[in-house]
Every structure is written in C-alpha cells, then in structure tokens.
Amino acid sequence: MTGSGRLWMGPSPRRRLGGKNTGPNPTDRRKSGTKRSLLVEANGIPVGLVVDGANRNDMKLTKPTLENIMVEKPEPSSDAPQHMCMDKGYDYPEVRELLEDWGYTIHIPYRGEEVKKRKKIPGYRARHWVVERTHSWLNRFRRLLIRWEKKAENYLAMLHLACAWITFRAAGFFG
C-alpha cells in the first residue's frame, strides 16, 4: 500500500490496491502482495506465466504455470530431452510426479542436501540465474514493478505485454 491514505473531503473507506490474486506477503509485514510464477526457456525468454497472492506456496503454482505455456512444446526424445531446472522450493513428490507426467527430465536439488555434499559434475553450472534475470527484465517495466492495477486481468495483460516485448527484443525485431 502506498500513500498516506488521507483525504481532503472527510472520512471514507480506504481502498486497497491489488484486488484479486493478492495476499499477505510473509516477508514484508503481511502487506498485500503478488507472486509471479514464471517459466522461461534456456535463454531466458518467457514461456509461461501465472499470477497469484504472495502467500501462495511455489509448489502450488507449478501446474497452473505449466498449463499456461503459450508455445507448443516439442515432444521429448532421447536425442532432445526436455529439462526442467527448479530450486529447492519445488522439492515435493507432487511436483516431481507432475513434471514426469509432462515428460521433463527433472533437475531439482533435494531439501536438506548441503551444497558441499553434492557431487561435483565437471562443466555443470546452476541455471537459476536465467529466471532471476528474466524477473529483472520484467521489473524494468515501471508499470510492473509496483502493482497499481486492482483487477488481476489488467495486471496479467501488462505482464503478457512485457513478456511479448522481451521476446521480440530477443528475436531481434526491435534492433
């Protein structure tokens, strides 16, 4: 919530920003917030996107995010398997079953597994920075950095416009 909430014309109920698909943010003194679940391809191009309240667990947004993939996914084969890299927040049996049903090769570190105890694979690099970079690209659109829209549909439309802009820019259409 931004602003002082003061009115010139006397007392009236204070309207909350955000509307649907917002919830108390557990890390920010329970202020209303929005969580974006974003699926990107290997180069950081947005492929699927879902918006929900900030208090929603990441694991519960996996299925809606997979269902909102905008492009047709190629069939996985032994020559070209489809990999899915996720962080420890998605280490649940339900998520692993869902990803196996969708035909992905799963790369999720187990919760409680220490970094030192994992075996070192030569040439292997963590890929989590690709998603973080795409979130950073989305935050460069000032309209998206703070959610001003009350309707979830309007906020989602602005996110889709930003994702389209990022995709066109990566394809080289804008120079």
N, C-alpha and C. Protein backbone atom coordinates (compact mmCIF):
# COMPACT_ATOMS: atom_id res chain seq x y z
N MET A 1 0.84 -1.15 0.00
CA MET A 1 0.00 0.00 0.00
C MET A 1 0.90 1.23 0.00
N THR A 2 0.57 2.19 -0.85
CA THR A 2 1.39 3.38 -0.93
C THR A 2 0.56 4.59 -0.57
N GLY A 3 1.19 5.72 -0.28
CA GLY A 3 0.48 6.94 0.04
C GLY A 3 0.14 7.01 1.52
N SER A 4 -0.35 8.18 1.92
CA SER A 4 -0.68 8.37 3.33
C SER A 4 -2.10 7.96 3.64
N GLY A 5 -2.96 7.86 2.64
CA GLY A 5 -4.34 7.46 2.87
C GLY A 5 -5.21 8.60 3.36
N ARG A 6 -4.73 9.84 3.34
CA ARG A 6 -5.51 10.98 3.79
C ARG A 6 -6.37 11.49 2.66
N LEU A 7 -7.55 12.00 3.02
CA LEU A 7 -8.48 12.55 2.04
C LEU A 7 -8.78 13.99 2.38
N TRP A 8 -9.09 14.80 1.37
CA TRP A 8 -9.44 16.19 1.59
C TRP A 8 -10.90 16.36 1.99
N MET A 9 -11.76 15.44 1.58
CA MET A 9 -13.20 15.63 1.73
C MET A 9 -13.78 14.90 2.93
N GLY A 10 -13.05 14.55 3.90
CA GLY A 10 -13.60 13.88 5.07
C GLY A 10 -13.37 12.39 5.01
N PRO A 11 -13.81 11.68 6.04
CA PRO A 11 -13.53 10.25 6.12
C PRO A 11 -14.33 9.43 5.12
N SER A 12 -13.67 8.45 4.53
CA SER A 12 -14.31 7.48 3.65
C SER A 12 -13.49 6.21 3.73
N PRO A 13 -14.07 5.08 3.35
CA PRO A 13 -13.29 3.84 3.44
C PRO A 13 -12.07 3.88 2.53
N ARG A 14 -10.98 3.39 3.04
CA ARG A 14 -9.74 3.38 2.27
C ARG A 14 -9.73 2.19 1.33
N ARG A 15 -9.50 2.43 0.06
CA ARG A 15 -9.46 1.34 -0.92
C ARG A 15 -8.08 0.71 -0.93
N ARG A 16 -8.09 -0.59 -1.00
CA ARG A 16 -6.83 -1.32 -1.04
C ARG A 16 -6.43 -1.54 -2.49
N LEU A 17 -5.16 -1.39 -2.76
CA LEU A 17 -4.65 -1.67 -4.10
C LEU A 17 -4.42 -3.15 -4.25
N GLY A 18 -4.51 -3.63 -5.47
CA GLY A 18 -4.19 -5.03 -5.73
C GLY A 18 -5.37 -5.86 -6.14
N GLY A 19 -6.48 -5.82 -5.44
CA GLY A 19 -7.66 -6.58 -5.83
C GLY A 19 -7.43 -8.07 -5.72
N LYS A 20 -7.99 -8.83 -6.69
CA LYS A 20 -7.86 -10.28 -6.68
C LYS A 20 -6.41 -10.70 -6.90
N ASN A 21 -6.13 -11.93 -6.54
CA ASN A 21 -4.81 -12.54 -6.69
C ASN A 21 -3.73 -11.79 -5.94
N THR A 22 -4.10 -11.19 -4.81
CA THR A 22 -3.10 -10.65 -3.90
C THR A 22 -3.31 -11.33 -2.56
N GLY A 23 -2.28 -11.34 -1.77
CA GLY A 23 -2.37 -11.95 -0.46
C GLY A 23 -1.30 -11.40 0.43
N PRO A 24 -1.38 -11.66 1.73
CA PRO A 24 -0.38 -11.13 2.64
C PRO A 24 1.00 -11.69 2.33
N ASN A 25 1.96 -10.81 2.17
CA ASN A 25 3.33 -11.20 1.88
C ASN A 25 3.99 -11.63 3.19
N PRO A 26 4.44 -12.88 3.29
CA PRO A 26 5.01 -13.34 4.56
C PRO A 26 6.34 -12.70 4.93
N THR A 27 7.02 -12.06 3.97
CA THR A 27 8.32 -11.48 4.27
C THR A 27 8.27 -9.97 4.46
N ASP A 28 7.11 -9.35 4.28
CA ASP A 28 7.03 -7.90 4.31
C ASP A 28 5.90 -7.45 5.24
N ARG A 29 5.92 -7.87 6.48
CA ARG A 29 4.95 -7.48 7.50
C ARG A 29 3.51 -7.66 7.03
N ARG A 30 3.27 -8.74 6.29
CA ARG A 30 1.94 -9.15 5.85
C ARG A 30 1.23 -8.09 4.99
N LYS A 31 2.00 -7.24 4.31
CA LYS A 31 1.38 -6.31 3.37
C LYS A 31 0.90 -7.09 2.16
N SER A 32 -0.10 -6.58 1.51
CA SER A 32 -0.65 -7.26 0.35
C SER A 32 0.37 -7.29 -0.78
N GLY A 33 0.51 -8.44 -1.42
CA GLY A 33 1.50 -8.57 -2.48
C GLY A 33 1.09 -9.60 -3.51
N THR A 34 1.83 -9.65 -4.60
CA THR A 34 1.56 -10.53 -5.72
C THR A 34 2.79 -11.37 -6.01
N LYS A 35 2.57 -12.63 -6.34
CA LYS A 35 3.66 -13.52 -6.72
C LYS A 35 3.51 -13.86 -8.19
N ARG A 36 4.63 -13.75 -8.93
CA ARG A 36 4.65 -14.13 -10.33
C ARG A 36 5.40 -15.45 -10.45
N SER A 37 4.75 -16.45 -10.98
CA SER A 37 5.41 -17.72 -11.27
C SER A 37 5.74 -17.72 -12.75
N LEU A 38 7.01 -17.78 -13.06
CA LEU A 38 7.48 -17.58 -14.42
C LEU A 38 8.26 -18.81 -14.89
N LEU A 39 7.94 -19.29 -16.08
CA LEU A 39 8.66 -20.38 -16.72
C LEU A 39 9.37 -19.80 -17.94
N VAL A 40 10.68 -20.03 -18.01
CA VAL A 40 11.47 -19.50 -19.13
C VAL A 40 12.19 -20.63 -19.83
N GLU A 41 12.57 -20.38 -21.09
CA GLU A 41 13.38 -21.36 -21.80
C GLU A 41 14.84 -21.08 -21.50
N ALA A 42 15.76 -21.80 -22.10
CA ALA A 42 17.17 -21.77 -21.72
C ALA A 42 17.81 -20.39 -21.82
N ASN A 43 17.34 -19.54 -22.71
CA ASN A 43 17.93 -18.21 -22.89
C ASN A 43 17.21 -17.13 -22.11
N GLY A 44 16.21 -17.49 -21.32
CA GLY A 44 15.51 -16.51 -20.51
C GLY A 44 14.27 -15.92 -21.15
N ILE A 45 13.83 -16.47 -22.27
CA ILE A 45 12.62 -15.98 -22.93
C ILE A 45 11.41 -16.53 -22.18
N PRO A 46 10.48 -15.67 -21.75
CA PRO A 46 9.30 -16.14 -21.01
C PRO A 46 8.44 -17.07 -21.85
N VAL A 47 8.02 -18.18 -21.24
CA VAL A 47 7.20 -19.18 -21.93
C VAL A 47 5.85 -19.33 -21.25
N GLY A 48 5.82 -19.31 -19.92
CA GLY A 48 4.59 -19.46 -19.16
C GLY A 48 4.60 -18.52 -17.97
N LEU A 49 3.40 -18.03 -17.59
CA LEU A 49 3.31 -17.05 -16.53
C LEU A 49 2.00 -17.20 -15.78
N VAL A 50 2.06 -17.12 -14.43
CA VAL A 50 0.87 -17.17 -13.58
C VAL A 50 1.05 -16.15 -12.48
N VAL A 51 -0.05 -15.50 -12.09
CA VAL A 51 -0.04 -14.51 -11.02
C VAL A 51 -0.97 -14.99 -9.91
N ASP A 52 -0.50 -14.87 -8.66
CA ASP A 52 -1.33 -15.25 -7.50
C ASP A 52 -0.88 -14.43 -6.30
N GLY A 53 -1.53 -14.63 -5.17
CA GLY A 53 -1.18 -13.92 -3.96
C GLY A 53 0.21 -14.27 -3.46
N ALA A 54 0.83 -13.33 -2.73
CA ALA A 54 2.20 -13.54 -2.27
C ALA A 54 2.30 -14.64 -1.23
N ASN A 55 1.19 -14.98 -0.60
CA ASN A 55 1.24 -16.01 0.44
C ASN A 55 1.06 -17.42 -0.12
N ARG A 56 0.97 -17.56 -1.41
CA ARG A 56 0.78 -18.87 -2.04
C ARG A 56 2.12 -19.59 -2.17
N ASN A 57 2.15 -20.87 -1.85
CA ASN A 57 3.36 -21.67 -1.94
C ASN A 57 3.75 -21.87 -3.41
N ASP A 58 5.05 -21.83 -3.69
CA ASP A 58 5.55 -22.00 -5.06
C ASP A 58 5.10 -23.33 -5.66
N MET A 59 5.07 -24.35 -4.83
CA MET A 59 4.74 -25.69 -5.29
C MET A 59 3.33 -25.72 -5.89
N LYS A 60 2.41 -24.96 -5.32
CA LYS A 60 1.02 -24.96 -5.79
C LYS A 60 0.84 -24.22 -7.10
N LEU A 61 1.82 -23.45 -7.52
CA LEU A 61 1.74 -22.71 -8.77
C LEU A 61 2.38 -23.46 -9.94
N THR A 62 2.93 -24.66 -9.68
CA THR A 62 3.62 -25.40 -10.73
C THR A 62 2.66 -25.81 -11.84
N LYS A 63 1.56 -26.45 -11.49
CA LYS A 63 0.61 -26.93 -12.50
C LYS A 63 0.00 -25.79 -13.31
N PRO A 64 -0.50 -24.70 -12.66
CA PRO A 64 -1.04 -23.60 -13.47
C PRO A 64 0.01 -22.97 -14.40
N THR A 65 1.26 -22.91 -13.95
CA THR A 65 2.30 -22.34 -14.79
C THR A 65 2.55 -23.22 -16.01
N LEU A 66 2.60 -24.53 -15.82
CA LEU A 66 2.80 -25.45 -16.94
C LEU A 66 1.61 -25.40 -17.90
N GLU A 67 0.41 -25.24 -17.37
CA GLU A 67 -0.78 -25.19 -18.22
C GLU A 67 -0.87 -23.90 -19.01
N ASN A 68 -0.17 -22.85 -18.56
CA ASN A 68 -0.21 -21.56 -19.26
C ASN A 68 0.96 -21.35 -20.20
N ILE A 69 1.61 -22.42 -20.62
CA ILE A 69 2.69 -22.30 -21.61
C ILE A 69 2.06 -21.84 -22.92
N MET A 70 2.59 -20.76 -23.48
CA MET A 70 1.98 -20.15 -24.66
C MET A 70 2.42 -20.76 -25.98
N VAL A 71 3.55 -21.43 -26.00
CA VAL A 71 4.04 -22.03 -27.23
C VAL A 71 3.93 -23.54 -27.14
N GLU A 72 3.85 -24.18 -28.28
CA GLU A 72 3.74 -25.64 -28.30
C GLU A 72 5.10 -26.25 -27.96
N LYS A 73 5.09 -27.14 -26.99
CA LYS A 73 6.32 -27.78 -26.53
C LYS A 73 6.66 -28.94 -27.45
N PRO A 74 7.93 -29.03 -27.90
CA PRO A 74 8.31 -30.19 -28.72
C PRO A 74 8.27 -31.47 -27.89
N GLU A 75 7.98 -32.56 -28.53
CA GLU A 75 7.94 -33.85 -27.84
C GLU A 75 9.35 -34.24 -27.42
N PRO A 76 9.53 -34.64 -26.15
CA PRO A 76 10.87 -35.06 -25.71
C PRO A 76 11.27 -36.38 -26.36
N SER A 77 12.52 -36.48 -26.70
CA SER A 77 13.05 -37.71 -27.27
C SER A 77 14.40 -38.00 -26.61
N SER A 78 14.98 -39.14 -26.95
CA SER A 78 16.28 -39.46 -26.36
C SER A 78 17.37 -38.52 -26.90
N ASP A 79 17.20 -38.02 -28.12
CA ASP A 79 18.16 -37.08 -28.70
C ASP A 79 17.98 -35.67 -28.14
N ALA A 80 16.74 -35.28 -27.89
CA ALA A 80 16.44 -33.93 -27.40
C ALA A 80 15.48 -34.00 -26.21
N PRO A 81 16.00 -34.36 -25.02
CA PRO A 81 15.12 -34.40 -23.85
C PRO A 81 14.76 -32.98 -23.40
N GLN A 82 13.63 -32.85 -22.74
CA GLN A 82 13.18 -31.57 -22.20
C GLN A 82 13.56 -31.52 -20.72
N HIS A 83 14.42 -30.59 -20.35
CA HIS A 83 14.90 -30.48 -18.98
C HIS A 83 14.09 -29.41 -18.24
N MET A 84 13.90 -29.64 -16.93
CA MET A 84 13.24 -28.65 -16.08
C MET A 84 14.12 -28.45 -14.85
N CYS A 85 14.68 -27.23 -14.72
CA CYS A 85 15.54 -26.89 -13.58
C CYS A 85 14.73 -26.02 -12.62
N MET A 86 14.67 -26.44 -11.36
CA MET A 86 13.93 -25.69 -10.33
C MET A 86 14.76 -25.66 -9.06
N ASP A 87 14.40 -24.77 -8.14
CA ASP A 87 15.13 -24.70 -6.88
C ASP A 87 14.49 -25.59 -5.82
N LYS A 88 15.05 -25.56 -4.60
CA LYS A 88 14.62 -26.47 -3.54
C LYS A 88 13.18 -26.23 -3.11
N GLY A 89 12.62 -25.07 -3.40
CA GLY A 89 11.24 -24.78 -3.02
C GLY A 89 10.23 -25.66 -3.74
N TYR A 90 10.66 -26.33 -4.78
CA TYR A 90 9.77 -27.20 -5.55
C TYR A 90 10.04 -28.68 -5.28
N ASP A 91 10.80 -29.00 -4.26
CA ASP A 91 11.14 -30.39 -3.97
C ASP A 91 10.01 -31.05 -3.18
N TYR A 92 8.97 -31.45 -3.91
CA TYR A 92 7.83 -32.17 -3.35
C TYR A 92 7.51 -33.34 -4.28
N PRO A 93 7.03 -34.45 -3.75
CA PRO A 93 6.69 -35.59 -4.62
C PRO A 93 5.62 -35.24 -5.66
N GLU A 94 4.68 -34.36 -5.30
CA GLU A 94 3.62 -33.98 -6.26
C GLU A 94 4.21 -33.26 -7.47
N VAL A 95 5.19 -32.39 -7.22
CA VAL A 95 5.82 -31.65 -8.32
C VAL A 95 6.62 -32.59 -9.20
N ARG A 96 7.36 -33.50 -8.58
CA ARG A 96 8.15 -34.45 -9.36
C ARG A 96 7.26 -35.34 -10.23
N GLU A 97 6.13 -35.80 -9.67
CA GLU A 97 5.19 -36.62 -10.45
C GLU A 97 4.60 -35.82 -11.61
N LEU A 98 4.23 -34.57 -11.34
CA LEU A 98 3.66 -33.72 -12.38
C LEU A 98 4.64 -33.51 -13.53
N LEU A 99 5.90 -33.22 -13.19
CA LEU A 99 6.90 -33.00 -14.23
C LEU A 99 7.21 -34.27 -15.01
N GLU A 100 7.18 -35.42 -14.34
CA GLU A 100 7.37 -36.68 -15.07
C GLU A 100 6.20 -36.93 -16.02
N ASP A 101 4.98 -36.59 -15.58
CA ASP A 101 3.82 -36.75 -16.46
C ASP A 101 3.92 -35.86 -17.69
N TRP A 102 4.51 -34.69 -17.53
CA TRP A 102 4.67 -33.77 -18.65
C TRP A 102 5.87 -34.13 -19.52
N GLY A 103 6.68 -35.11 -19.10
CA GLY A 103 7.79 -35.60 -19.92
C GLY A 103 9.09 -34.84 -19.74
N TYR A 104 9.27 -34.17 -18.62
CA TYR A 104 10.50 -33.43 -18.38
C TYR A 104 11.54 -34.28 -17.66
N THR A 105 12.82 -34.00 -17.93
CA THR A 105 13.91 -34.53 -17.13
C THR A 105 14.09 -33.55 -15.97
N ILE A 106 13.97 -34.04 -14.74
CA ILE A 106 13.87 -33.16 -13.58
C ILE A 106 15.24 -32.88 -12.99
N HIS A 107 15.48 -31.59 -12.70
CA HIS A 107 16.70 -31.14 -12.03
C HIS A 107 16.27 -30.27 -10.84
N ILE A 108 15.97 -30.91 -9.72
CA ILE A 108 15.58 -30.21 -8.50
C ILE A 108 16.46 -30.73 -7.37
N PRO A 109 17.23 -29.86 -6.72
CA PRO A 109 18.02 -30.35 -5.58
C PRO A 109 17.10 -30.73 -4.43
N TYR A 110 17.48 -31.73 -3.68
CA TYR A 110 16.66 -32.20 -2.57
C TYR A 110 16.82 -31.25 -1.38
N ARG A 111 15.71 -31.02 -0.66
CA ARG A 111 15.76 -30.21 0.54
C ARG A 111 16.61 -30.91 1.59
N GLY A 112 17.39 -30.14 2.32
CA GLY A 112 18.25 -30.71 3.34
C GLY A 112 19.60 -31.16 2.82
N GLU A 113 19.76 -31.16 1.52
CA GLU A 113 21.02 -31.57 0.91
C GLU A 113 21.98 -30.38 0.93
N GLU A 114 23.10 -30.57 1.52
CA GLU A 114 24.08 -29.49 1.60
C GLU A 114 24.80 -29.33 0.27
N VAL A 115 25.22 -28.12 -0.01
CA VAL A 115 25.92 -27.85 -1.27
C VAL A 115 27.22 -28.62 -1.34
N LYS A 116 27.93 -28.74 -0.22
CA LYS A 116 29.22 -29.42 -0.21
C LYS A 116 29.08 -30.91 -0.48
N LYS A 117 27.97 -31.50 -0.04
CA LYS A 117 27.80 -32.94 -0.16
C LYS A 117 27.39 -33.38 -1.56
N ARG A 118 26.89 -32.43 -2.36
CA ARG A 118 26.53 -32.80 -3.73
C ARG A 118 27.80 -33.10 -4.52
N LYS A 119 27.72 -34.10 -5.35
CA LYS A 119 28.91 -34.42 -6.12
C LYS A 119 29.11 -33.39 -7.22
N LYS A 120 30.33 -33.09 -7.47
CA LYS A 120 30.69 -32.08 -8.47
C LYS A 120 30.67 -32.71 -9.85
N ILE A 121 29.96 -32.07 -10.75
CA ILE A 121 29.90 -32.53 -12.13
C ILE A 121 30.70 -31.52 -12.96
N PRO A 122 31.74 -31.97 -13.66
CA PRO A 122 32.54 -31.03 -14.44
C PRO A 122 31.71 -30.37 -15.54
N GLY A 123 31.85 -29.06 -15.67
CA GLY A 123 31.13 -28.32 -16.71
C GLY A 123 29.70 -27.99 -16.36
N TYR A 124 29.22 -28.40 -15.18
CA TYR A 124 27.84 -28.13 -14.80
C TYR A 124 27.75 -26.78 -14.10
N ARG A 125 26.78 -25.97 -14.52
CA ARG A 125 26.55 -24.68 -13.88
C ARG A 125 25.09 -24.58 -13.48
N ALA A 126 24.83 -23.95 -12.38
CA ALA A 126 23.45 -23.73 -11.96
C ALA A 126 22.78 -22.77 -12.94
N ARG A 127 21.51 -22.99 -13.23
CA ARG A 127 20.79 -22.19 -14.22
C ARG A 127 19.74 -21.27 -13.61
N HIS A 128 19.72 -21.14 -12.29
CA HIS A 128 18.69 -20.34 -11.65
C HIS A 128 18.78 -18.87 -12.02
N TRP A 129 19.98 -18.40 -12.36
CA TRP A 129 20.17 -17.00 -12.70
C TRP A 129 19.40 -16.60 -13.95
N VAL A 130 19.07 -17.55 -14.82
CA VAL A 130 18.33 -17.23 -16.05
C VAL A 130 16.94 -16.72 -15.70
N VAL A 131 16.28 -17.36 -14.75
CA VAL A 131 14.94 -16.93 -14.34
C VAL A 131 15.03 -15.59 -13.60
N GLU A 132 16.04 -15.45 -12.74
CA GLU A 132 16.20 -14.20 -12.00
C GLU A 132 16.45 -13.03 -12.95
N ARG A 133 17.22 -13.28 -14.01
CA ARG A 133 17.47 -12.23 -14.99
C ARG A 133 16.18 -11.83 -15.70
N THR A 134 15.32 -12.81 -16.01
CA THR A 134 14.06 -12.51 -16.68
C THR A 134 13.14 -11.71 -15.75
N HIS A 135 13.13 -12.05 -14.46
CA HIS A 135 12.36 -11.24 -13.50
C HIS A 135 12.91 -9.81 -13.46
N SER A 136 14.22 -9.66 -13.56
CA SER A 136 14.82 -8.33 -13.60
C SER A 136 14.38 -7.58 -14.85
N TRP A 137 14.33 -8.27 -15.99
CA TRP A 137 13.85 -7.63 -17.22
C TRP A 137 12.41 -7.17 -17.05
N LEU A 138 11.58 -7.99 -16.41
CA LEU A 138 10.18 -7.60 -16.18
C LEU A 138 10.10 -6.40 -15.25
N ASN A 139 10.97 -6.34 -14.25
CA ASN A 139 10.94 -5.21 -13.32
C ASN A 139 11.41 -3.92 -13.94
N ARG A 140 12.05 -3.98 -15.09
CA ARG A 140 12.45 -2.75 -15.78
C ARG A 140 11.25 -2.02 -16.38
N PHE A 141 10.16 -2.72 -16.52
CA PHE A 141 8.92 -2.08 -16.96
C PHE A 141 8.30 -1.46 -15.71
N ARG A 142 8.38 -0.14 -15.61
CA ARG A 142 7.99 0.54 -14.37
C ARG A 142 6.56 0.24 -13.96
N ARG A 143 5.71 -0.01 -14.92
CA ARG A 143 4.32 -0.31 -14.61
C ARG A 143 4.18 -1.60 -13.82
N LEU A 144 5.12 -2.51 -13.96
CA LEU A 144 5.04 -3.82 -13.32
C LEU A 144 5.77 -3.89 -11.98
N LEU A 145 6.67 -2.95 -11.73
CA LEU A 145 7.46 -3.02 -10.52
C LEU A 145 6.58 -2.93 -9.27
N ILE A 146 5.62 -2.02 -9.28
CA ILE A 146 4.61 -1.92 -8.23
C ILE A 146 3.27 -2.17 -8.88
N ARG A 147 2.50 -3.06 -8.30
CA ARG A 147 1.20 -3.38 -8.90
C ARG A 147 0.18 -2.33 -8.50
N TRP A 148 -0.23 -1.52 -9.49
CA TRP A 148 -1.23 -0.48 -9.26
C TRP A 148 -2.61 -0.95 -9.69
N GLU A 149 -2.70 -1.95 -10.54
CA GLU A 149 -3.98 -2.40 -11.07
C GLU A 149 -4.78 -3.13 -10.00
N LYS A 150 -6.05 -2.85 -9.92
CA LYS A 150 -6.92 -3.55 -8.97
C LYS A 150 -7.38 -4.88 -9.53
N LYS A 151 -7.57 -4.95 -10.83
CA LYS A 151 -8.02 -6.19 -11.46
C LYS A 151 -6.83 -7.05 -11.85
N ALA A 152 -6.92 -8.33 -11.51
CA ALA A 152 -5.84 -9.26 -11.84
C ALA A 152 -5.68 -9.40 -13.34
N GLU A 153 -6.79 -9.30 -14.09
CA GLU A 153 -6.72 -9.43 -15.55
C GLU A 153 -5.88 -8.32 -16.17
N ASN A 154 -6.00 -7.09 -15.65
CA ASN A 154 -5.24 -5.97 -16.18
C ASN A 154 -3.75 -6.14 -15.90
N TYR A 155 -3.42 -6.59 -14.68
CA TYR A 155 -2.02 -6.81 -14.33
C TYR A 155 -1.42 -7.93 -15.18
N LEU A 156 -2.19 -8.99 -15.38
CA LEU A 156 -1.71 -10.10 -16.20
C LEU A 156 -1.52 -9.67 -17.66
N ALA A 157 -2.41 -8.81 -18.14
CA ALA A 157 -2.27 -8.30 -19.51
C ALA A 157 -1.00 -7.47 -19.66
N MET A 158 -0.68 -6.65 -18.65
CA MET A 158 0.55 -5.87 -18.71
C MET A 158 1.79 -6.77 -18.65
N LEU A 159 1.70 -7.85 -17.86
CA LEU A 159 2.80 -8.81 -17.81
C LEU A 159 2.98 -9.50 -19.16
N HIS A 160 1.88 -9.87 -19.80
CA HIS A 160 1.97 -10.51 -21.12
C HIS A 160 2.55 -9.55 -22.15
N LEU A 161 2.18 -8.28 -22.08
CA LEU A 161 2.75 -7.29 -22.99
C LEU A 161 4.27 -7.18 -22.78
N ALA A 162 4.70 -7.15 -21.53
CA ALA A 162 6.13 -7.07 -21.23
C ALA A 162 6.86 -8.33 -21.71
N CYS A 163 6.24 -9.50 -21.52
CA CYS A 163 6.85 -10.75 -21.99
C CYS A 163 6.96 -10.77 -23.51
N ALA A 164 5.94 -10.25 -24.20
CA ALA A 164 5.99 -10.17 -25.66
C ALA A 164 7.11 -9.23 -26.10
N TRP A 165 7.26 -8.11 -25.39
CA TRP A 165 8.32 -7.16 -25.72
C TRP A 165 9.69 -7.80 -25.54
N ILE A 166 9.87 -8.53 -24.45
CA ILE A 166 11.14 -9.22 -24.19
C ILE A 166 11.41 -10.26 -25.28
N THR A 167 10.38 -10.99 -25.69
CA THR A 167 10.54 -12.00 -26.72
C THR A 167 10.90 -11.37 -28.07
N PHE A 168 10.22 -10.29 -28.46
CA PHE A 168 10.54 -9.62 -29.72
C PHE A 168 11.93 -9.04 -29.69
N ARG A 169 12.33 -8.48 -28.56
CA ARG A 169 13.67 -7.91 -28.44
C ARG A 169 14.74 -9.00 -28.58
N ALA A 170 14.50 -10.16 -27.96
CA ALA A 170 15.46 -11.26 -28.05
C ALA A 170 15.53 -11.84 -29.48
N ALA A 171 14.41 -11.76 -30.18
CA ALA A 171 14.39 -12.27 -31.56
C ALA A 171 15.06 -11.30 -32.54
N GLY A 172 15.31 -10.07 -32.10
CA GLY A 172 15.99 -9.10 -32.95
C GLY A 172 15.06 -8.27 -33.79
N PHE A 173 13.77 -8.26 -33.50
CA PHE A 173 12.82 -7.48 -34.28
C PHE A 173 12.92 -5.99 -34.01
N PHE A 174 13.40 -5.60 -32.82
CA PHE A 174 13.46 -4.19 -32.46
C PHE A 174 14.87 -3.63 -32.56
N GLY A 175 15.72 -4.28 -33.28
CA GLY A 175 17.04 -3.75 -33.50
C GLY A 175 18.11 -4.23 -32.62
